[in-house]
Amino acid sequence: MTPPVTRRTLFGGAAAVAGATAAGASLAAPAQAAETAPDAAGTVAAGGPTGDWTEAELRDRSRVLRLGFTEQEADAWLLVARAGAAFFALPQLHPSDTPDVVDAVHVMQRILMQRPAYKQYRQWGEEEEGGGPAS
C-alpha cells in the first residue's frame, strides 16, 4: 500500500526541487560578460552586484527585465535565488527549516514579481486622475 501524501512530503519534495534548481543556477560556470564600473547603487551593468552572473542567471535576468523589472529588481531576483541555493548547500540542522526557507524565498519572489504590475497600476491611476505618471 502506498503511504498517504502529507503536507510534509509535499514541502520536502518542493524544497528539494527548488533547492536543486537554485543550486544549479548558482553553481553553473561563470558567464563571460564584460564588467563595467559600478553605478551609484553598486551594481555592475553586465553582471549585477557580484559581477559574475552565470549564463543561466543572465537568461533568467533577461526574462524578468522583459517583464518590467528594473535593473535593481532583477539583481534582487537573482540574489534571492542565490541565497536559497546557499542555504540548501549548508548541512541540514533541522528538517523543519527546509519548508520555512522555501516559503521565505517564495515570499521574496512573489513580492518582486508583483512590483512591475503594481507600478503599472499606480501609473494608470495617476493618469486617470490627471496627475501624470506616479513617482
Protein backbone atom coordinates (compact mmCIF):
# COMPACT_ATOMS: atom_id res chain seq x y z
CA MET A 1 0.00 0.00 0.00
CA THR A 2 1.27 3.47 -0.88
CA PRO A 3 1.75 5.78 2.13
CA PRO A 4 -0.52 8.85 2.20
CA VAL A 5 0.81 12.08 0.78
CA THR A 6 1.17 14.59 3.57
CA ARG A 7 1.90 18.30 3.60
CA ARG A 8 5.38 17.49 4.93
CA THR A 9 6.04 15.15 1.99
CA LEU A 10 4.92 17.81 -0.48
CA PHE A 11 7.04 20.51 1.20
CA GLY A 12 10.06 18.21 1.20
CA GLY A 13 9.67 17.47 -2.49
CA ALA A 14 9.11 21.12 -3.36
CA ALA A 15 12.12 22.13 -1.30
CA ALA A 16 14.32 19.56 -2.99
CA VAL A 17 13.27 20.76 -6.44
CA ALA A 18 13.63 24.45 -5.51
CA GLY A 19 16.99 23.85 -3.89
CA ALA A 20 18.31 21.84 -6.81
CA THR A 21 17.10 24.43 -9.32
CA ALA A 22 18.59 27.35 -7.41
CA ALA A 23 21.82 25.47 -6.75
CA GLY A 24 22.17 24.54 -10.41
CA ALA A 25 21.71 28.14 -11.50
CA SER A 26 24.10 29.46 -8.90
CA LEU A 27 26.81 26.86 -9.38
CA ALA A 28 26.90 26.94 -13.19
CA ALA A 29 30.06 28.18 -14.90
CA PRO A 30 30.51 31.98 -14.68
CA ALA A 31 29.29 33.96 -17.67
CA GLN A 32 31.83 35.65 -19.89
CA ALA A 33 30.24 39.10 -19.55
CA ALA A 34 32.40 42.20 -19.73
CA GLU A 35 32.33 44.13 -16.47
CA THR A 36 31.98 47.86 -16.24
CA ALA A 37 32.36 50.28 -13.34
CA PRO A 38 29.67 50.08 -10.65
CA ASP A 39 26.91 52.69 -10.73
CA ALA A 40 25.66 54.68 -7.74
CA ALA A 41 23.64 51.70 -6.46
CA GLY A 42 26.73 49.47 -6.53
CA THR A 43 25.57 47.33 -9.44
CA VAL A 44 27.70 46.40 -12.42
CA ALA A 45 25.88 46.79 -15.73
CA ALA A 46 26.99 43.46 -17.19
CA GLY A 47 26.81 41.35 -14.07
CA GLY A 48 24.89 42.78 -11.16
CA PRO A 49 26.27 43.44 -7.70
CA THR A 50 28.61 40.48 -7.87
CA GLY A 51 29.76 40.96 -11.46
CA ASP A 52 29.73 37.21 -12.05
CA TRP A 53 26.24 36.14 -13.13
CA THR A 54 26.20 32.69 -14.69
CA GLU A 55 24.78 32.02 -18.16
CA ALA A 56 21.59 30.60 -16.56
CA GLU A 57 21.29 33.66 -14.32
CA LEU A 58 21.77 36.00 -17.27
CA ARG A 59 18.93 34.21 -19.13
CA ASP A 60 16.70 34.49 -16.04
CA ARG A 61 17.67 38.15 -15.63
CA SER A 62 16.74 38.82 -19.26
CA ARG A 63 13.31 37.26 -18.71
CA VAL A 64 12.49 39.34 -15.62
CA LEU A 65 13.73 42.51 -17.32
CA ARG A 66 11.32 41.79 -20.20
CA LEU A 67 8.53 41.52 -17.60
CA GLY A 68 9.24 45.07 -16.49
CA PHE A 69 11.72 44.64 -13.64
CA THR A 70 14.20 47.45 -13.10
CA GLU A 71 17.90 46.59 -13.15
CA GLN A 72 17.95 46.63 -9.34
CA GLU A 73 14.86 44.40 -9.10
CA ALA A 74 16.46 41.92 -11.50
CA ASP A 75 19.61 41.88 -9.34
CA ALA A 76 17.49 41.30 -6.23
CA TRP A 77 15.65 38.44 -8.00
CA LEU A 78 18.91 36.65 -8.74
CA LEU A 79 20.36 37.31 -5.30
CA VAL A 80 17.27 35.76 -3.67
CA ALA A 81 17.83 32.63 -5.78
CA ARG A 82 21.50 32.58 -4.79
CA ALA A 83 20.59 32.97 -1.12
CA GLY A 84 18.24 30.00 -1.37
CA ALA A 85 20.90 27.93 -3.12
CA ALA A 86 23.47 28.91 -0.50
CA PHE A 87 21.13 27.83 2.31
CA PHE A 88 20.41 24.46 0.70
CA ALA A 89 24.15 23.88 0.28
CA LEU A 90 24.53 24.06 4.09
CA PRO A 91 24.30 20.93 6.24
CA GLN A 92 20.76 20.42 7.48
CA LEU A 93 20.38 21.11 11.19
CA HIS A 94 16.64 20.63 11.47
CA PRO A 95 14.18 19.27 8.88
CA SER A 96 11.57 21.97 9.54
CA ASP A 97 13.99 24.65 8.33
CA THR A 98 13.56 23.45 4.74
CA PRO A 99 9.90 24.42 4.23
CA ASP A 100 10.46 27.68 6.12
CA VAL A 101 13.26 28.69 3.75
CA VAL A 102 11.25 27.62 0.71
CA ASP A 103 8.37 29.78 1.94
CA ALA A 104 10.70 32.72 2.61
CA VAL A 105 12.25 32.52 -0.87
CA HIS A 106 8.81 32.30 -2.46
CA VAL A 107 7.58 35.32 -0.47
CA MET A 108 10.51 37.39 -1.75
CA GLN A 109 9.96 36.14 -5.30
CA ARG A 110 6.23 36.92 -5.13
CA ILE A 111 6.87 40.45 -3.85
CA LEU A 112 9.46 41.11 -6.55
CA MET A 113 7.24 39.60 -9.26
CA GLN A 114 4.28 41.82 -8.35
CA ARG A 115 6.29 45.07 -8.47
CA PRO A 116 6.02 45.69 -12.26
CA ALA A 117 2.25 45.16 -12.19
CA TYR A 118 1.80 47.39 -9.13
CA LYS A 119 3.91 50.17 -10.68
CA GLN A 120 1.77 49.99 -13.84
CA TYR A 121 -1.43 50.00 -11.77
CA ARG A 122 -0.30 53.15 -9.91
CA GLN A 123 0.73 54.86 -13.14
CA TRP A 124 -2.68 54.19 -14.72
CA GLY A 125 -4.40 55.56 -11.61
CA GLU A 126 -2.33 58.75 -11.73
CA GLU A 127 -3.02 59.16 -15.45
CA GLU A 128 -6.76 58.67 -14.96
CA GLU A 129 -6.78 61.32 -12.24
CA GLY A 130 -4.87 63.72 -14.49
CA GLY A 131 -1.82 63.83 -12.25
CA GLY A 132 0.62 62.31 -14.74
CA PRO A 133 2.82 59.31 -14.01
CA ALA A 134 3.25 58.17 -10.41
CA SER A 135 6.62 58.67 -8.81
